[in-house]
Amino acid sequence: MASRIDYYDDPDAPAANSLVPSVNVIVTNEAGDVLMIRRSDNDNWAVPGGAIDLGESLPQAAVRETLEETGIRCEITGLAGTYTDPRHVILYTSNGEVRQEFSIVLTARYVEGSLRESEESREVRWVPRGEIGSLAMDRSMRMRIEHFLAGTGLPHIG
């Protein structure tokens, strides 16, 4: 099975050969729980997201990716931050692509749907905020969620 390997500030990391605008979505329900997936490509927990396709807007990509990966339809409510650190690269073993990080993180609220897994998510859950810290995830994803949970209301620019 193809996998995803994240490198951060690693001198042994492969050189980036691609830059792909992507979106992550921090979806919350009425209880304030966060929608999270356990990725099938690296077994880490993350919020839904993926590449923005040609012909779609950032909010359209966010809603589409969330629905595809989780079965949940959401409504975009705001901007949590931008993450473009060139020290973070992602190797996709299926094709040798090495992406430099470029992710825009949006916030959203649950609208409808039922949790379901997909090819990209082996588990999907609503996670209470107090339990997020105990989940295995890449440092970049943890940072994104922690910025959101800090509750400053200001987007992170980085």
N, C-alpha and C. Protein backbone atom coordinates (compact mmCIF):
# COMPACT_ATOMS: atom_id res chain seq x y z
N MET A 1 0.84 -1.19 0.00
CA MET A 1 0.00 0.00 0.00
C MET A 1 0.89 1.25 0.00
N ALA A 2 0.48 2.23 -0.76
CA ALA A 2 1.21 3.49 -0.83
C ALA A 2 1.10 4.20 0.52
N SER A 3 2.11 4.97 0.82
CA SER A 3 2.07 5.68 2.10
C SER A 3 2.52 7.12 1.93
N ARG A 4 2.34 7.84 2.99
CA ARG A 4 2.72 9.25 3.08
C ARG A 4 3.71 9.35 4.23
N ILE A 5 4.84 10.00 3.98
CA ILE A 5 5.85 10.18 5.01
C ILE A 5 6.12 11.68 5.15
N ASP A 6 5.89 12.21 6.34
CA ASP A 6 6.13 13.62 6.61
C ASP A 6 7.54 13.80 7.17
N TYR A 7 8.23 14.82 6.67
CA TYR A 7 9.56 15.19 7.16
C TYR A 7 9.50 16.64 7.60
N TYR A 8 10.17 16.94 8.72
CA TYR A 8 10.23 18.32 9.15
C TYR A 8 11.67 18.68 9.51
N ASP A 9 12.21 19.65 8.82
CA ASP A 9 13.55 20.17 9.09
C ASP A 9 14.56 19.02 9.19
N ASP A 10 14.43 18.07 8.27
CA ASP A 10 15.24 16.86 8.27
C ASP A 10 16.25 16.93 7.13
N PRO A 11 17.56 16.95 7.43
CA PRO A 11 18.56 17.04 6.35
C PRO A 11 18.55 15.83 5.43
N ASP A 12 17.96 14.72 5.87
CA ASP A 12 17.88 13.52 5.04
C ASP A 12 16.58 13.44 4.24
N ALA A 13 15.73 14.44 4.37
CA ALA A 13 14.46 14.45 3.63
C ALA A 13 14.74 14.62 2.15
N PRO A 14 13.91 14.01 1.31
CA PRO A 14 14.06 14.25 -0.13
C PRO A 14 13.70 15.69 -0.46
N ALA A 15 14.27 16.20 -1.54
CA ALA A 15 13.98 17.57 -1.98
C ALA A 15 12.57 17.66 -2.55
N ALA A 16 11.89 18.75 -2.22
CA ALA A 16 10.54 18.95 -2.75
C ALA A 16 10.59 19.07 -4.27
N ASN A 17 9.59 18.45 -4.94
CA ASN A 17 9.47 18.56 -6.39
C ASN A 17 8.08 19.03 -6.79
N SER A 18 7.27 19.47 -5.80
CA SER A 18 5.91 19.85 -6.09
C SER A 18 5.38 20.79 -5.00
N LEU A 19 4.47 21.65 -5.40
CA LEU A 19 3.77 22.54 -4.48
C LEU A 19 2.30 22.50 -4.89
N VAL A 20 1.45 21.95 -4.03
CA VAL A 20 0.05 21.74 -4.36
C VAL A 20 -0.82 22.44 -3.32
N PRO A 21 -1.56 23.48 -3.70
CA PRO A 21 -2.47 24.11 -2.74
C PRO A 21 -3.48 23.09 -2.21
N SER A 22 -3.58 23.03 -0.90
CA SER A 22 -4.53 22.09 -0.29
C SER A 22 -5.29 22.79 0.83
N VAL A 23 -6.31 22.10 1.30
CA VAL A 23 -7.16 22.63 2.35
C VAL A 23 -7.34 21.56 3.42
N ASN A 24 -7.36 22.01 4.67
CA ASN A 24 -7.79 21.17 5.79
C ASN A 24 -9.00 21.85 6.40
N VAL A 25 -9.88 21.04 7.01
CA VAL A 25 -11.13 21.59 7.54
C VAL A 25 -11.32 21.13 8.98
N ILE A 26 -11.43 22.09 9.88
CA ILE A 26 -11.72 21.80 11.27
C ILE A 26 -13.23 21.97 11.45
N VAL A 27 -13.94 20.84 11.44
CA VAL A 27 -15.39 20.82 11.54
C VAL A 27 -15.76 20.53 12.99
N THR A 28 -16.68 21.32 13.54
CA THR A 28 -17.16 21.06 14.89
C THR A 28 -18.67 20.81 14.86
N ASN A 29 -19.12 20.03 15.85
CA ASN A 29 -20.56 19.78 15.98
C ASN A 29 -21.11 20.65 17.11
N GLU A 30 -22.38 20.48 17.43
CA GLU A 30 -23.02 21.32 18.45
C GLU A 30 -22.38 21.17 19.82
N ALA A 31 -21.80 20.00 20.10
CA ALA A 31 -21.13 19.77 21.39
C ALA A 31 -19.72 20.36 21.42
N GLY A 32 -19.22 20.84 20.27
CA GLY A 32 -17.88 21.39 20.20
C GLY A 32 -16.81 20.35 19.88
N ASP A 33 -17.24 19.10 19.63
CA ASP A 33 -16.29 18.05 19.25
C ASP A 33 -15.75 18.34 17.86
N VAL A 34 -14.54 17.81 17.57
CA VAL A 34 -13.87 18.04 16.30
C VAL A 34 -13.94 16.77 15.46
N LEU A 35 -14.31 16.91 14.19
CA LEU A 35 -14.36 15.79 13.25
C LEU A 35 -12.94 15.41 12.85
N MET A 36 -12.58 14.14 13.09
CA MET A 36 -11.22 13.70 12.78
C MET A 36 -11.25 12.35 12.08
N ILE A 37 -10.20 12.13 11.27
CA ILE A 37 -10.04 10.86 10.57
C ILE A 37 -8.70 10.24 10.97
N ARG A 38 -8.67 8.91 10.94
CA ARG A 38 -7.38 8.21 11.03
C ARG A 38 -7.03 7.86 9.60
N ARG A 39 -5.96 8.48 9.10
CA ARG A 39 -5.58 8.37 7.69
C ARG A 39 -5.19 6.93 7.34
N SER A 40 -5.57 6.51 6.16
CA SER A 40 -5.20 5.16 5.72
C SER A 40 -3.78 5.09 5.17
N ASP A 41 -3.18 6.25 4.84
CA ASP A 41 -1.84 6.22 4.24
C ASP A 41 -0.70 6.31 5.25
N ASN A 42 -0.99 6.72 6.49
CA ASN A 42 0.09 6.76 7.50
C ASN A 42 -0.39 6.43 8.91
N ASP A 43 -1.67 6.13 9.07
CA ASP A 43 -2.28 5.72 10.33
C ASP A 43 -2.33 6.85 11.37
N ASN A 44 -2.00 8.07 10.99
CA ASN A 44 -2.08 9.21 11.90
C ASN A 44 -3.48 9.82 11.87
N TRP A 45 -3.83 10.49 12.95
CA TRP A 45 -5.09 11.22 13.02
C TRP A 45 -4.90 12.59 12.39
N ALA A 46 -5.96 13.10 11.79
CA ALA A 46 -5.93 14.39 11.10
C ALA A 46 -7.35 14.91 10.96
N VAL A 47 -7.46 16.17 10.60
CA VAL A 47 -8.76 16.69 10.18
C VAL A 47 -8.87 16.44 8.68
N PRO A 48 -10.08 16.37 8.14
CA PRO A 48 -10.23 16.10 6.71
C PRO A 48 -9.55 17.15 5.85
N GLY A 49 -9.21 16.76 4.62
CA GLY A 49 -8.64 17.73 3.70
C GLY A 49 -7.96 17.08 2.52
N GLY A 50 -7.50 17.92 1.61
CA GLY A 50 -6.82 17.44 0.43
C GLY A 50 -6.59 18.56 -0.56
N ALA A 51 -6.14 18.17 -1.74
CA ALA A 51 -5.79 19.12 -2.78
C ALA A 51 -7.03 19.85 -3.32
N ILE A 52 -6.81 21.09 -3.71
CA ILE A 52 -7.85 21.88 -4.36
C ILE A 52 -7.77 21.57 -5.85
N ASP A 53 -8.88 21.12 -6.42
CA ASP A 53 -8.91 20.76 -7.83
C ASP A 53 -9.09 21.99 -8.71
N LEU A 54 -8.57 21.91 -9.94
CA LEU A 54 -8.82 22.97 -10.91
C LEU A 54 -10.32 23.15 -11.08
N GLY A 55 -10.76 24.38 -11.15
CA GLY A 55 -12.17 24.66 -11.38
C GLY A 55 -13.01 24.75 -10.11
N GLU A 56 -12.40 24.57 -8.93
CA GLU A 56 -13.19 24.71 -7.70
C GLU A 56 -12.56 25.75 -6.79
N SER A 57 -13.39 26.34 -5.98
CA SER A 57 -12.92 27.33 -5.01
C SER A 57 -12.42 26.63 -3.76
N LEU A 58 -11.75 27.39 -2.92
CA LEU A 58 -11.27 26.86 -1.65
C LEU A 58 -12.44 26.30 -0.81
N PRO A 59 -13.53 27.04 -0.61
CA PRO A 59 -14.64 26.48 0.17
C PRO A 59 -15.26 25.23 -0.48
N GLN A 60 -15.36 25.22 -1.81
CA GLN A 60 -15.90 24.03 -2.49
C GLN A 60 -15.01 22.81 -2.24
N ALA A 61 -13.69 23.00 -2.32
CA ALA A 61 -12.76 21.90 -2.06
C ALA A 61 -12.89 21.41 -0.63
N ALA A 62 -13.04 22.33 0.31
CA ALA A 62 -13.16 21.96 1.72
C ALA A 62 -14.40 21.12 1.98
N VAL A 63 -15.53 21.54 1.45
CA VAL A 63 -16.78 20.80 1.62
C VAL A 63 -16.68 19.44 0.93
N ARG A 64 -16.14 19.41 -0.28
CA ARG A 64 -16.01 18.16 -1.03
C ARG A 64 -15.12 17.17 -0.30
N GLU A 65 -13.92 17.60 0.11
CA GLU A 65 -12.98 16.71 0.78
C GLU A 65 -13.57 16.16 2.08
N THR A 66 -14.24 17.02 2.84
CA THR A 66 -14.85 16.57 4.10
C THR A 66 -15.90 15.51 3.84
N LEU A 67 -16.77 15.74 2.87
CA LEU A 67 -17.81 14.77 2.54
C LEU A 67 -17.21 13.47 2.04
N GLU A 68 -16.21 13.54 1.14
CA GLU A 68 -15.59 12.33 0.60
C GLU A 68 -14.94 11.49 1.69
N GLU A 69 -14.25 12.13 2.62
CA GLU A 69 -13.46 11.39 3.62
C GLU A 69 -14.25 10.97 4.85
N THR A 70 -15.40 11.64 5.12
CA THR A 70 -16.09 11.40 6.39
C THR A 70 -17.58 11.09 6.29
N GLY A 71 -18.23 11.43 5.17
CA GLY A 71 -19.68 11.29 5.07
C GLY A 71 -20.43 12.47 5.66
N ILE A 72 -19.70 13.49 6.11
CA ILE A 72 -20.31 14.65 6.76
C ILE A 72 -20.30 15.85 5.81
N ARG A 73 -21.47 16.49 5.69
CA ARG A 73 -21.57 17.74 4.93
C ARG A 73 -21.41 18.88 5.94
N CYS A 74 -20.57 19.85 5.58
CA CYS A 74 -20.29 20.96 6.49
C CYS A 74 -20.53 22.29 5.79
N GLU A 75 -20.56 23.33 6.60
CA GLU A 75 -20.67 24.70 6.10
C GLU A 75 -19.45 25.46 6.60
N ILE A 76 -18.73 26.10 5.71
CA ILE A 76 -17.52 26.83 6.07
C ILE A 76 -17.89 28.06 6.89
N THR A 77 -17.14 28.28 7.99
CA THR A 77 -17.43 29.40 8.88
C THR A 77 -16.27 30.39 9.02
N GLY A 78 -15.06 29.99 8.63
CA GLY A 78 -13.96 30.92 8.81
C GLY A 78 -12.61 30.35 8.40
N LEU A 79 -11.59 31.13 8.68
CA LEU A 79 -10.20 30.78 8.37
C LEU A 79 -9.45 30.55 9.67
N ALA A 80 -8.83 29.37 9.82
CA ALA A 80 -8.03 29.07 11.01
C ALA A 80 -6.57 29.44 10.79
N GLY A 81 -6.08 29.31 9.54
CA GLY A 81 -4.70 29.68 9.30
C GLY A 81 -4.16 29.19 7.97
N THR A 82 -2.94 29.61 7.69
CA THR A 82 -2.21 29.15 6.50
C THR A 82 -0.90 28.53 6.97
N TYR A 83 -0.51 27.46 6.31
CA TYR A 83 0.68 26.70 6.71
C TYR A 83 1.50 26.42 5.46
N THR A 84 2.65 27.10 5.34
CA THR A 84 3.47 27.02 4.13
C THR A 84 4.95 26.88 4.45
N ASP A 85 5.28 26.17 5.50
CA ASP A 85 6.66 26.04 5.94
C ASP A 85 7.46 25.16 4.98
N PRO A 86 8.46 25.70 4.27
CA PRO A 86 9.24 24.90 3.33
C PRO A 86 10.09 23.82 4.00
N ARG A 87 10.22 23.88 5.33
CA ARG A 87 10.96 22.82 6.04
C ARG A 87 10.12 21.56 6.21
N HIS A 88 8.81 21.65 5.94
CA HIS A 88 7.92 20.49 6.01
C HIS A 88 7.66 19.99 4.60
N VAL A 89 8.13 18.78 4.31
CA VAL A 89 7.87 18.15 3.02
C VAL A 89 7.21 16.80 3.26
N ILE A 90 6.43 16.37 2.27
CA ILE A 90 5.65 15.15 2.36
C ILE A 90 5.98 14.27 1.17
N LEU A 91 6.47 13.07 1.44
CA LEU A 91 6.79 12.09 0.40
C LEU A 91 5.60 11.16 0.21
N TYR A 92 5.13 11.05 -1.03
CA TYR A 92 4.09 10.09 -1.39
C TYR A 92 4.80 8.93 -2.10
N THR A 93 4.86 7.78 -1.45
CA THR A 93 5.64 6.67 -1.98
C THR A 93 5.05 6.06 -3.24
N SER A 94 3.78 6.31 -3.51
CA SER A 94 3.14 5.72 -4.68
C SER A 94 3.70 6.27 -5.99
N ASN A 95 4.16 7.53 -5.97
CA ASN A 95 4.63 8.13 -7.21
C ASN A 95 5.91 8.96 -7.06
N GLY A 96 6.48 8.99 -5.87
CA GLY A 96 7.72 9.74 -5.65
C GLY A 96 7.54 11.24 -5.54
N GLU A 97 6.30 11.70 -5.52
CA GLU A 97 6.05 13.13 -5.35
C GLU A 97 6.51 13.54 -3.96
N VAL A 98 7.19 14.69 -3.88
CA VAL A 98 7.60 15.26 -2.59
C VAL A 98 7.06 16.69 -2.56
N ARG A 99 6.00 16.89 -1.78
CA ARG A 99 5.34 18.19 -1.72
C ARG A 99 5.89 19.06 -0.61
N GLN A 100 6.10 20.31 -0.95
CA GLN A 100 6.34 21.31 0.09
C GLN A 100 4.98 21.64 0.70
N GLU A 101 4.93 21.79 2.00
CA GLU A 101 3.67 22.10 2.68
C GLU A 101 3.04 23.37 2.13
N PHE A 102 1.75 23.28 1.82
CA PHE A 102 0.96 24.45 1.41
C PHE A 102 -0.49 24.14 1.74
N SER A 103 -0.91 24.49 2.95
CA SER A 103 -2.26 24.17 3.38
C SER A 103 -2.95 25.38 3.97
N ILE A 104 -4.19 25.56 3.56
CA ILE A 104 -5.04 26.59 4.12
C ILE A 104 -6.06 25.85 4.98
N VAL A 105 -6.18 26.26 6.24
CA VAL A 105 -7.06 25.56 7.18
C VAL A 105 -8.29 26.42 7.44
N LEU A 106 -9.44 25.85 7.14
CA LEU A 106 -10.72 26.52 7.34
C LEU A 106 -11.45 25.91 8.53
N THR A 107 -12.37 26.68 9.10
CA THR A 107 -13.26 26.15 10.12
C THR A 107 -14.63 25.93 9.49
N ALA A 108 -15.39 25.01 10.09
CA ALA A 108 -16.71 24.69 9.55
C ALA A 108 -17.59 24.13 10.65
N ARG A 109 -18.87 24.11 10.38
CA ARG A 109 -19.82 23.50 11.30
C ARG A 109 -20.53 22.35 10.60
N TYR A 110 -20.91 21.35 11.40
CA TYR A 110 -21.67 20.20 10.90
C TYR A 110 -23.03 20.65 10.39
N VAL A 111 -23.41 20.13 9.22
CA VAL A 111 -24.73 20.40 8.66
C VAL A 111 -25.58 19.14 8.67
N GLU A 112 -25.04 18.05 8.08
CA GLU A 112 -25.79 16.79 8.02
C GLU A 112 -24.85 15.65 7.64
N GLY A 113 -25.36 14.44 7.76
CA GLY A 113 -24.60 13.27 7.35
C GLY A 113 -24.27 12.36 8.51
N SER A 114 -23.80 11.17 8.15
CA SER A 114 -23.41 10.16 9.12
C SER A 114 -21.96 9.78 8.89
N LEU A 115 -21.25 9.51 9.97
CA LEU A 115 -19.84 9.14 9.88
C LEU A 115 -19.67 7.87 9.05
N ARG A 116 -18.69 7.90 8.13
CA ARG A 116 -18.34 6.70 7.36
C ARG A 116 -16.89 6.82 6.92
N GLU A 117 -16.23 5.68 6.80
CA GLU A 117 -14.85 5.65 6.33
C GLU A 117 -14.82 5.74 4.81
N SER A 118 -13.61 6.00 4.29
CA SER A 118 -13.39 6.06 2.84
C SER A 118 -12.05 5.41 2.54
N GLU A 119 -11.62 5.46 1.29
CA GLU A 119 -10.29 4.94 0.94
C GLU A 119 -9.20 5.70 1.68
N GLU A 120 -9.45 6.96 2.02
CA GLU A 120 -8.45 7.79 2.67
C GLU A 120 -8.54 7.80 4.19
N SER A 121 -9.64 7.26 4.73
CA SER A 121 -9.84 7.30 6.18
C SER A 121 -10.25 5.92 6.69
N ARG A 122 -9.42 5.35 7.55
CA ARG A 122 -9.75 4.02 8.10
C ARG A 122 -10.63 4.11 9.33
N GLU A 123 -10.73 5.31 9.91
CA GLU A 123 -11.61 5.54 11.05
C GLU A 123 -12.03 7.01 11.02
N VAL A 124 -13.29 7.29 11.39
CA VAL A 124 -13.81 8.65 11.43
C VAL A 124 -14.55 8.81 12.76
N ARG A 125 -14.24 9.89 13.47
CA ARG A 125 -14.85 10.10 14.79
C ARG A 125 -15.05 11.58 15.07
N TRP A 126 -16.04 11.86 15.92
CA TRP A 126 -16.15 13.16 16.56
C TRP A 126 -15.32 13.04 17.83
N VAL A 127 -14.30 13.87 17.98
CA VAL A 127 -13.38 13.75 19.10
C VAL A 127 -13.59 14.94 20.05
N PRO A 128 -13.88 14.66 21.33
CA PRO A 128 -13.96 15.76 22.30
C PRO A 128 -12.61 16.49 22.37
N ARG A 129 -12.66 17.79 22.53
CA ARG A 129 -11.43 18.60 22.50
C ARG A 129 -10.38 18.10 23.49
N GLY A 130 -10.80 17.65 24.65
CA GLY A 130 -9.87 17.19 25.68
C GLY A 130 -9.16 15.90 25.34
N GLU A 131 -9.64 15.17 24.33
CA GLU A 131 -9.03 13.90 23.94
C GLU A 131 -8.09 14.03 22.74
N ILE A 132 -8.11 15.16 22.07
CA ILE A 132 -7.32 15.33 20.85
C ILE A 132 -5.83 15.16 21.12
N GLY A 133 -5.35 15.67 22.24
CA GLY A 133 -3.92 15.61 22.56
C GLY A 133 -3.37 14.20 22.69
N SER A 134 -4.24 13.23 22.96
CA SER A 134 -3.77 11.84 23.14
C SER A 134 -3.70 11.07 21.82
N LEU A 135 -4.14 11.65 20.72
CA LEU A 135 -4.15 10.96 19.44
C LEU A 135 -2.80 11.10 18.73
N ALA A 136 -2.37 10.05 18.06
CA ALA A 136 -1.14 10.09 17.26
C ALA A 136 -1.38 10.90 15.99
N MET A 137 -0.53 11.92 15.77
CA MET A 137 -0.66 12.72 14.56
C MET A 137 0.67 13.39 14.26
N ASP A 138 0.82 13.80 13.00
CA ASP A 138 2.02 14.51 12.59
C ASP A 138 2.10 15.85 13.31
N ARG A 139 3.31 16.32 13.56
CA ARG A 139 3.51 17.57 14.30
C ARG A 139 2.81 18.75 13.63
N SER A 140 2.81 18.79 12.29
CA SER A 140 2.17 19.89 11.58
C SER A 140 0.66 19.89 11.80
N MET A 141 0.04 18.71 11.76
CA MET A 141 -1.40 18.63 12.01
C MET A 141 -1.71 19.02 13.45
N ARG A 142 -0.91 18.54 14.39
CA ARG A 142 -1.13 18.89 15.80
C ARG A 142 -1.05 20.41 15.99
N MET A 143 -0.07 21.04 15.33
CA MET A 143 0.09 22.49 15.44
C MET A 143 -1.15 23.20 14.90
N ARG A 144 -1.67 22.75 13.77
CA ARG A 144 -2.86 23.37 13.19
C ARG A 144 -4.04 23.30 14.16
N ILE A 145 -4.26 22.13 14.73
CA ILE A 145 -5.38 21.95 15.65
C ILE A 145 -5.16 22.75 16.93
N GLU A 146 -3.94 22.77 17.44
CA GLU A 146 -3.65 23.54 18.66
C GLU A 146 -3.87 25.03 18.43
N HIS A 147 -3.49 25.55 17.27
CA HIS A 147 -3.75 26.96 16.98
C HIS A 147 -5.25 27.24 17.03
N PHE A 148 -6.05 26.34 16.46
CA PHE A 148 -7.51 26.50 16.49
C PHE A 148 -8.03 26.44 17.93
N LEU A 149 -7.58 25.43 18.68
CA LEU A 149 -8.09 25.23 20.04
C LEU A 149 -7.67 26.35 20.98
N ALA A 150 -6.61 27.09 20.65
CA ALA A 150 -6.17 28.21 21.48
C ALA A 150 -7.25 29.29 21.55
N GLY A 151 -8.13 29.33 20.53
CA GLY A 151 -9.29 30.20 20.56
C GLY A 151 -9.01 31.69 20.46
N THR A 152 -7.93 32.07 19.82
CA THR A 152 -7.63 33.51 19.71
C THR A 152 -8.56 34.21 18.72
N GLY A 153 -9.15 33.44 17.81
CA GLY A 153 -10.00 34.04 16.79
C GLY A 153 -9.23 34.63 15.63
N LEU A 154 -7.90 34.64 15.75
CA LEU A 154 -7.06 35.17 14.67
C LEU A 154 -6.46 34.01 13.88
N PRO A 155 -6.43 34.11 12.56
CA PRO A 155 -5.81 33.02 11.79
C PRO A 155 -4.29 33.00 11.97
N HIS A 156 -3.74 31.81 11.98
CA HIS A 156 -2.29 31.64 12.01
C HIS A 156 -1.77 31.86 10.60
N ILE A 157 -0.73 32.63 10.45
CA ILE A 157 -0.11 32.85 9.13
C ILE A 157 1.31 32.33 9.22
N GLY A 158 1.57 31.25 8.51
CA GLY A 158 2.92 30.68 8.58
C GLY A 158 3.26 29.82 7.42
